Amino acid sequence: MQISRIVDLSFPLGPSTVTYPGDPRPEFRTHSTVERDGFNLLEVHMGSQTGTHIDAPRHFVDGAAVVEDLPLNRFVGRGVVVDATGLPPRGRIELAHVEPVLDHLDAATLVLIRADWEQHYGTPLWFAHPFLDSTACQAILATGARTILMDVMNIDETPDDDHPGEGFPCHHLIAAVDGVIGENLRGFGAIDWVDPLVSVLPLRMQDADGAPVRAVAMQFEG
C-alpha cells in the first residue's frame, strides 16, 4: 500500500499562533546553541489547546478521560467531510448540513466539518466563526462516530461581550461519550477524493486535557 498524496491540515505552531482569548500565548526561546553548547535546543511554553489540537473529555469534565486514556483509533480513521461552507460570521452548522453524510458515518469515522474559515485566520473574524448546533452534534454521535474535527477555533460559539454563547453544549455532549474534538484545522477543501485516511494523533502528554497535533489526510494509490 503506497501513499500517493498527503494534505497538511495543520496551522504552523509558533509565537504568532492565534490562541483562544485568555489562553497562554506560545513562547519559543533559544535554550542551547551549537556555538555555545554543541547542539541546538528550543524551549517551548504554551497551553495544551494551542494551535491545531485535540480536546480530550477532561477539557470540560473533571475526572473524565485525558489524552492518554483514549484509544488511538479515535485519532486515525476514514474521514468524511461535511460541507458547511458559505455561512456568515457566527453561523450555525445545523442538522441539514450533516444529514447528507449521516449514512456514511460509523464508529471508525472521523468527521471533518468544513466551513472554510481559515481565510479569516489572524483577523477579528476568526473569533466570530461558525459553530456546530447541538442537534447536529447529537445526530453525528448517534451514528457511533466519536471524533469531530473543525476548521474553526471552537466547535461551540466563542463568546464575547455581545454574544454570551450557549454554554459549550457540543463540548459536553462529546465528552459524555468519551469523544474527541479537533479544532484549528485547515485545508479541508484540498481533500478532493473519497475515503481519505485522516490522522490527528496527539502528543502523549500525561494528565492532559488536550494536545497539539500534526493533522493530515492521506490518499492511497488504487
C-alpha atoms as a PDB file:
ATOM      1  CA  MET A   1       0.000   0.000   0.000  1.00  0.00           C
ATOM      2  CA  GLN A   2       1.541   3.279  -1.115  1.00  0.00           C
ATOM      3  CA  ILE A   3       0.546   6.808  -0.150  1.00  0.00           C
ATOM      4  CA  SER A   4       0.125   8.935  -3.250  1.00  0.00           C
ATOM      5  CA  ARG A   5      -0.749  12.221  -1.549  1.00  0.00           C
ATOM      6  CA  ILE A   6      -0.698  13.846   1.882  1.00  0.00           C
ATOM      7  CA  VAL A   7      -2.619  17.036   2.677  1.00  0.00           C
ATOM      8  CA  ASP A   8      -1.470  19.017   5.694  1.00  0.00           C
ATOM      9  CA  LEU A   9      -4.465  20.035   7.811  1.00  0.00           C
ATOM     10  CA  SER A  10      -2.467  21.947  10.437  1.00  0.00           C
ATOM     11  CA  PHE A  11      -1.610  25.561  11.124  1.00  0.00           C
ATOM     12  CA  PRO A  12       2.044  26.365  11.868  1.00  0.00           C
ATOM     13  CA  LEU A  13       2.772  26.458  15.598  1.00  0.00           C
ATOM     14  CA  GLY A  14       4.856  29.321  16.934  1.00  0.00           C
ATOM     15  CA  PRO A  15       4.795  32.704  18.679  1.00  0.00           C
ATOM     16  CA  SER A  16       2.398  34.111  16.063  1.00  0.00           C
ATOM     17  CA  THR A  17      -0.172  31.301  16.511  1.00  0.00           C
ATOM     18  CA  VAL A  18      -3.642  32.671  17.272  1.00  0.00           C
ATOM     19  CA  THR A  19      -4.944  31.433  20.631  1.00  0.00           C
ATOM     20  CA  TYR A  20      -8.341  31.306  22.303  1.00  0.00           C
ATOM     21  CA  PRO A  21      -8.976  34.514  24.277  1.00  0.00           C
ATOM     22  CA  GLY A  22      -7.216  34.254  27.634  1.00  0.00           C
ATOM     23  CA  ASP A  23      -5.175  31.146  26.797  1.00  0.00           C
ATOM     24  CA  PRO A  24      -1.375  31.213  27.211  1.00  0.00           C
ATOM     25  CA  ARG A  25       0.480  32.700  24.294  1.00  0.00           C
ATOM     26  CA  PRO A  26       3.042  30.310  22.820  1.00  0.00           C
ATOM     27  CA  GLU A  27       6.628  31.313  23.537  1.00  0.00           C
ATOM     28  CA  PHE A  28       9.671  29.806  21.823  1.00  0.00           C
ATOM     29  CA  ARG A  29      13.080  30.625  23.297  1.00  0.00           C
ATOM     30  CA  THR A  30      16.583  29.511  22.412  1.00  0.00           C
ATOM     31  CA  HIS A  31      17.824  27.294  25.244  1.00  0.00           C
ATOM     32  CA  SER A  32      21.003  25.887  23.697  1.00  0.00           C
ATOM     33  CA  THR A  33      23.068  26.703  20.630  1.00  0.00           C
ATOM     34  CA  VAL A  34      25.662  24.813  18.639  1.00  0.00           C
ATOM     35  CA  GLU A  35      28.143  27.636  19.185  1.00  0.00           C
ATOM     36  CA  ARG A  36      27.793  27.609  22.980  1.00  0.00           C
ATOM     37  CA  ASP A  37      26.634  24.064  23.815  1.00  0.00           C
ATOM     38  CA  GLY A  38      27.385  21.923  20.790  1.00  0.00           C
ATOM     39  CA  PHE A  39      23.701  21.450  19.886  1.00  0.00           C
ATOM     40  CA  ASN A  40      20.525  23.461  19.269  1.00  0.00           C
ATOM     41  CA  LEU A  41      17.586  23.159  21.668  1.00  0.00           C
ATOM     42  CA  LEU A  42      14.361  25.154  21.716  1.00  0.00           C
ATOM     43  CA  GLU A  43      12.476  25.915  24.941  1.00  0.00           C
ATOM     44  CA  VAL A  44       8.708  25.884  24.362  1.00  0.00           C
ATOM     45  CA  HIS A  45       5.933  27.313  26.551  1.00  0.00           C
ATOM     46  CA  MET A  46       2.267  27.027  25.519  1.00  0.00           C
ATOM     47  CA  GLY A  47      -1.157  25.813  26.580  1.00  0.00           C
ATOM     48  CA  SER A  48      -2.484  22.335  25.877  1.00  0.00           C
ATOM     49  CA  GLN A  49      -5.094  23.772  23.486  1.00  0.00           C
ATOM     50  CA  THR A  50      -2.654  25.742  21.333  1.00  0.00           C
ATOM     51  CA  GLY A  51      -2.771  25.707  17.541  1.00  0.00           C
ATOM     52  CA  THR A  52      -4.175  22.682  15.725  1.00  0.00           C
ATOM     53  CA  HIS A  53      -5.103  20.415  18.626  1.00  0.00           C
ATOM     54  CA  ILE A  54      -7.498  17.853  20.015  1.00  0.00           C
ATOM     55  CA  ASP A  55      -9.650  18.113  23.146  1.00  0.00           C
ATOM     56  CA  ALA A  56      -9.970  15.133  25.455  1.00  0.00           C
ATOM     57  CA  PRO A  57     -13.113  14.843  27.629  1.00  0.00           C
ATOM     58  CA  ARG A  58     -11.130  16.171  30.626  1.00  0.00           C
ATOM     59  CA  HIS A  59     -11.129  19.600  28.955  1.00  0.00           C
ATOM     60  CA  PHE A  60     -14.677  20.213  30.197  1.00  0.00           C
ATOM     61  CA  VAL A  61     -15.355  17.435  32.722  1.00  0.00           C
ATOM     62  CA  ASP A  62     -13.313  16.873  35.889  1.00  0.00           C
ATOM     63  CA  GLY A  63     -12.336  13.230  36.253  1.00  0.00           C
ATOM     64  CA  ALA A  64     -13.106  12.410  32.612  1.00  0.00           C
ATOM     65  CA  ALA A  65     -10.648  10.788  30.206  1.00  0.00           C
ATOM     66  CA  VAL A  66      -7.360  12.510  29.448  1.00  0.00           C
ATOM     67  CA  VAL A  67      -5.395  12.214  26.211  1.00  0.00           C
ATOM     68  CA  GLU A  68      -3.545   9.057  27.303  1.00  0.00           C
ATOM     69  CA  ASP A  69      -6.807   7.303  28.228  1.00  0.00           C
ATOM     70  CA  LEU A  70      -8.320   7.492  24.759  1.00  0.00           C
ATOM     71  CA  PRO A  71      -7.949   4.641  22.246  1.00  0.00           C
ATOM     72  CA  LEU A  72      -5.718   5.520  19.315  1.00  0.00           C
ATOM     73  CA  ASN A  73      -8.490   4.741  16.823  1.00  0.00           C
ATOM     74  CA  ARG A  74     -10.159   7.956  17.974  1.00  0.00           C
ATOM     75  CA  PHE A  75      -7.343   9.780  16.172  1.00  0.00           C
ATOM     76  CA  VAL A  76      -6.844   7.795  12.943  1.00  0.00           C
ATOM     77  CA  GLY A  77      -9.515   6.630  10.537  1.00  0.00           C
ATOM     78  CA  ARG A  78     -11.599   7.182   7.449  1.00  0.00           C
ATOM     79  CA  GLY A  79     -12.530  10.826   7.050  1.00  0.00           C
ATOM     80  CA  VAL A  80     -15.918  12.104   5.893  1.00  0.00           C
ATOM     81  CA  VAL A  81     -16.260  15.800   5.055  1.00  0.00           C
ATOM     82  CA  VAL A  82     -19.388  17.778   5.949  1.00  0.00           C
ATOM     83  CA  ASP A  83     -19.930  20.794   3.678  1.00  0.00           C
ATOM     84  CA  ALA A  84     -20.825  23.784   5.868  1.00  0.00           C
ATOM     85  CA  THR A  85     -19.269  26.409   3.620  1.00  0.00           C
ATOM     86  CA  GLY A  86     -20.848  29.779   2.868  1.00  0.00           C
ATOM     87  CA  LEU A  87     -22.047  30.521   6.390  1.00  0.00           C
ATOM     88  CA  PRO A  88     -21.854  34.056   7.805  1.00  0.00           C
ATOM     89  CA  PRO A  89     -19.986  35.012  10.974  1.00  0.00           C
ATOM     90  CA  ARG A  90     -21.416  33.074  13.935  1.00  0.00           C
ATOM     91  CA  GLY A  91     -23.451  30.981  11.516  1.00  0.00           C
ATOM     92  CA  ARG A  92     -24.963  27.813  12.919  1.00  0.00           C
ATOM     93  CA  ILE A  93     -23.969  24.452  11.395  1.00  0.00           C
ATOM     94  CA  GLU A  94     -27.285  22.648  11.550  1.00  0.00           C
ATOM     95  CA  LEU A  95     -28.755  19.198  11.056  1.00  0.00           C
ATOM     96  CA  ALA A  96     -29.390  19.976   7.381  1.00  0.00           C
ATOM     97  CA  HIS A  97     -25.628  20.290   6.854  1.00  0.00           C
ATOM     98  CA  VAL A  98     -24.812  16.883   8.333  1.00  0.00           C
ATOM     99  CA  GLU A  99     -27.817  14.856   7.128  1.00  0.00           C
ATOM    100  CA  PRO A 100     -26.284  14.140   3.656  1.00  0.00           C
ATOM    101  CA  VAL A 101     -23.412  12.199   5.249  1.00  0.00           C
ATOM    102  CA  LEU A 102     -25.039  10.509   8.252  1.00  0.00           C
ATOM    103  CA  ASP A 103     -25.409   7.197   6.416  1.00  0.00           C
ATOM    104  CA  HIS A 104     -21.652   7.191   5.779  1.00  0.00           C
ATOM    105  CA  LEU A 105     -20.668   7.582   9.438  1.00  0.00           C
ATOM    106  CA  ASP A 106     -19.823   4.892  11.968  1.00  0.00           C
ATOM    107  CA  ALA A 107     -17.536   4.272  14.933  1.00  0.00           C
ATOM    108  CA  ALA A 108     -14.446   4.204  12.697  1.00  0.00           C
ATOM    109  CA  THR A 109     -15.169   7.548  11.059  1.00  0.00           C
ATOM    110  CA  LEU A 110     -13.533  10.910  11.687  1.00  0.00           C
ATOM    111  CA  VAL A 111     -15.970  13.691  10.797  1.00  0.00           C
ATOM    112  CA  LEU A 112     -14.444  16.794   9.200  1.00  0.00           C
ATOM    113  CA  ILE A 113     -16.767  19.811   9.255  1.00  0.00           C
ATOM    114  CA  ARG A 114     -15.679  22.224   6.555  1.00  0.00           C
ATOM    115  CA  ALA A 115     -16.553  25.905   6.987  1.00  0.00           C
ATOM    116  CA  ASP A 116     -13.538  27.264   5.049  1.00  0.00           C
ATOM    117  CA  TRP A 117     -12.953  29.720   7.898  1.00  0.00           C
ATOM    118  CA  GLU A 118      -9.168  29.563   7.626  1.00  0.00           C
ATOM    119  CA  GLN A 119      -9.266  32.559   5.286  1.00  0.00           C
ATOM    120  CA  HIS A 120     -10.013  34.676   8.380  1.00  0.00           C
ATOM    121  CA  TYR A 121      -7.112  33.381  10.458  1.00  0.00           C
ATOM    122  CA  GLY A 122      -5.335  36.280  12.154  1.00  0.00           C
ATOM    123  CA  THR A 123      -8.307  38.649  11.780  1.00  0.00           C
ATOM    124  CA  PRO A 124     -11.127  39.525  14.208  1.00  0.00           C
ATOM    125  CA  LEU A 125     -13.491  37.320  12.162  1.00  0.00           C
ATOM    126  CA  TRP A 126     -11.518  34.248  13.237  1.00  0.00           C
ATOM    127  CA  PHE A 127     -13.235  34.572  16.626  1.00  0.00           C
ATOM    128  CA  ALA A 128     -16.691  35.025  15.039  1.00  0.00           C
ATOM    129  CA  HIS A 129     -16.589  31.616  13.380  1.00  0.00           C
ATOM    130  CA  PRO A 130     -19.492  29.297  12.502  1.00  0.00           C
ATOM    131  CA  PHE A 131     -20.227  26.701  15.167  1.00  0.00           C
ATOM    132  CA  LEU A 132     -21.905  23.313  15.440  1.00  0.00           C
ATOM    133  CA  ASP A 133     -25.516  23.198  16.610  1.00  0.00           C
ATOM    134  CA  SER A 134     -26.108  20.743  19.440  1.00  0.00           C
ATOM    135  CA  THR A 135     -28.839  18.911  17.499  1.00  0.00           C
ATOM    136  CA  ALA A 136     -26.450  18.301  14.608  1.00  0.00           C
ATOM    137  CA  CYS A 137     -23.807  17.150  17.086  1.00  0.00           C
ATOM    138  CA  GLN A 138     -26.221  14.643  18.632  1.00  0.00           C
ATOM    139  CA  ALA A 139     -27.081  13.292  15.178  1.00  0.00           C
ATOM    140  CA  ILE A 140     -23.387  12.682  14.423  1.00  0.00           C
ATOM    141  CA  LEU A 141     -22.812  10.948  17.750  1.00  0.00           C
ATOM    142  CA  ALA A 142     -25.885   8.754  17.221  1.00  0.00           C
ATOM    143  CA  THR A 143     -24.097   7.120  14.255  1.00  0.00           C
ATOM    144  CA  GLY A 144     -21.320   5.913  16.568  1.00  0.00           C
ATOM    145  CA  ALA A 145     -18.788   8.480  15.309  1.00  0.00           C
ATOM    146  CA  ARG A 146     -16.698   9.798  18.184  1.00  0.00           C
ATOM    147  CA  THR A 147     -14.308  12.286  16.569  1.00  0.00           C
ATOM    148  CA  ILE A 148     -15.398  15.638  15.135  1.00  0.00           C
ATOM    149  CA  LEU A 149     -12.825  17.939  13.546  1.00  0.00           C
ATOM    150  CA  MET A 150     -13.424  21.606  12.718  1.00  0.00           C
ATOM    151  CA  ASP A 151     -11.596  24.199  10.596  1.00  0.00           C
ATOM    152  CA  VAL A 152     -12.541  26.876  13.136  1.00  0.00           C
ATOM    153  CA  MET A 153     -11.142  27.684  16.582  1.00  0.00           C
ATOM    154  CA  ASN A 154     -14.034  26.270  18.616  1.00  0.00           C
ATOM    155  CA  ILE A 155     -16.713  23.657  17.945  1.00  0.00           C
ATOM    156  CA  ASP A 156     -19.089  25.785  20.044  1.00  0.00           C
ATOM    157  CA  GLU A 157     -19.711  29.510  19.709  1.00  0.00           C
ATOM    158  CA  THR A 158     -16.837  31.580  21.083  1.00  0.00           C
ATOM    159  CA  PRO A 159     -18.428  34.113  23.433  1.00  0.00           C
ATOM    160  CA  ASP A 160     -17.637  37.798  23.620  1.00  0.00           C
ATOM    161  CA  ASP A 161     -19.256  40.856  25.206  1.00  0.00           C
ATOM    162  CA  ASP A 162     -22.054  40.908  22.619  1.00  0.00           C
ATOM    163  CA  HIS A 163     -22.507  37.146  22.216  1.00  0.00           C
ATOM    164  CA  PRO A 164     -22.655  35.216  25.502  1.00  0.00           C
ATOM    165  CA  GLY A 165     -22.815  31.831  23.787  1.00  0.00           C
ATOM    166  CA  GLU A 166     -24.763  28.762  24.884  1.00  0.00           C
ATOM    167  CA  GLY A 167     -22.509  27.151  27.493  1.00  0.00           C
ATOM    168  CA  PHE A 168     -20.420  24.894  25.192  1.00  0.00           C
ATOM    169  CA  PRO A 169     -23.072  22.209  24.598  1.00  0.00           C
ATOM    170  CA  CYS A 170     -21.131  20.243  21.957  1.00  0.00           C
ATOM    171  CA  HIS A 171     -18.069  20.001  24.180  1.00  0.00           C
ATOM    172  CA  HIS A 172     -20.224  18.438  26.887  1.00  0.00           C
ATOM    173  CA  LEU A 173     -22.094  16.104  24.509  1.00  0.00           C
ATOM    174  CA  ILE A 174     -18.868  14.744  23.034  1.00  0.00           C
ATOM    175  CA  ALA A 175     -17.141  14.460  26.410  1.00  0.00           C
ATOM    176  CA  ALA A 176     -20.090  12.427  27.719  1.00  0.00           C
ATOM    177  CA  VAL A 177     -19.313   9.649  25.190  1.00  0.00           C
ATOM    178  CA  ASP A 178     -15.507   9.862  25.550  1.00  0.00           C
ATOM    179  CA  GLY A 179     -15.284  11.519  22.168  1.00  0.00           C
ATOM    180  CA  VAL A 180     -12.609  13.728  20.643  1.00  0.00           C
ATOM    181  CA  ILE A 181     -12.853  17.269  19.305  1.00  0.00           C
ATOM    182  CA  GLY A 182     -10.316  18.719  16.886  1.00  0.00           C
ATOM    183  CA  GLU A 183     -10.082  22.483  16.455  1.00  0.00           C
ATOM    184  CA  ASN A 184      -7.988  24.959  14.458  1.00  0.00           C
ATOM    185  CA  LEU A 185      -7.619  22.641  11.480  1.00  0.00           C
ATOM    186  CA  ARG A 186      -7.356  23.857   7.899  1.00  0.00           C
ATOM    187  CA  GLY A 187      -7.197  22.682   4.297  1.00  0.00           C
ATOM    188  CA  PHE A 188     -10.349  20.564   4.190  1.00  0.00           C
ATOM    189  CA  GLY A 189     -11.059  21.958   0.716  1.00  0.00           C
ATOM    190  CA  ALA A 190      -7.948  20.212  -0.612  1.00  0.00           C
ATOM    191  CA  ILE A 191      -9.423  16.789   0.192  1.00  0.00           C
ATOM    192  CA  ASP A 192     -10.888  16.093  -3.256  1.00  0.00           C
ATOM    193  CA  TRP A 193     -11.063  12.298  -3.050  1.00  0.00           C
ATOM    194  CA  VAL A 194     -13.335   9.924  -1.160  1.00  0.00           C
ATOM    195  CA  ASP A 195     -12.357   7.995   1.959  1.00  0.00           C
ATOM    196  CA  PRO A 196      -9.193   9.839   2.985  1.00  0.00           C
ATOM    197  CA  LEU A 197      -7.238   8.329   5.847  1.00  0.00           C
ATOM    198  CA  VAL A 198      -7.115  11.114   8.437  1.00  0.00           C
ATOM    199  CA  SER A 199      -4.668  11.267  11.328  1.00  0.00           C
ATOM    200  CA  VAL A 200      -4.835  13.684  14.250  1.00  0.00           C
ATOM    201  CA  LEU A 201      -2.531  11.794  16.599  1.00  0.00           C
ATOM    202  CA  PRO A 202      -1.742  13.962  19.638  1.00  0.00           C
ATOM    203  CA  LEU A 203       1.410  14.234  21.669  1.00  0.00           C
ATOM    204  CA  ARG A 204       1.306  11.691  24.514  1.00  0.00           C
ATOM    205  CA  MET A 205       1.113  14.303  27.251  1.00  0.00           C
ATOM    206  CA  GLN A 206       0.417  12.982  30.747  1.00  0.00           C
ATOM    207  CA  ASP A 207      -2.820  14.004  32.517  1.00  0.00           C
ATOM    208  CA  ALA A 208      -3.583  16.361  29.639  1.00  0.00           C
ATOM    209  CA  ASP A 209      -6.981  17.804  28.720  1.00  0.00           C
ATOM    210  CA  GLY A 210      -5.787  18.155  25.135  1.00  0.00           C
ATOM    211  CA  ALA A 211      -2.657  18.266  22.998  1.00  0.00           C
ATOM    212  CA  PRO A 212      -1.303  19.728  19.760  1.00  0.00           C
ATOM    213  CA  VAL A 213      -1.430  17.522  16.666  1.00  0.00           C
ATOM    214  CA  ARG A 214       0.032  17.405  13.169  1.00  0.00           C
ATOM    215  CA  ALA A 215      -3.195  16.702  11.305  1.00  0.00           C
ATOM    216  CA  VAL A 216      -3.012  15.141   7.832  1.00  0.00           C
ATOM    217  CA  ALA A 217      -5.248  13.481   5.250  1.00  0.00           C
ATOM    218  CA  MET A 218      -3.720  10.692   3.170  1.00  0.00           C
ATOM    219  CA  GLN A 219      -4.682   9.250  -0.204  1.00  0.00           C
ATOM    220  CA  PHE A 220      -3.554   5.771  -1.228  1.00  0.00           C
ATOM    221  CA  GLU A 221      -2.834   4.581  -4.743  1.00  0.00           C
ATOM    222  CA  GLY A 222      -5.600   2.417  -6.086  1.00  0.00           C
END
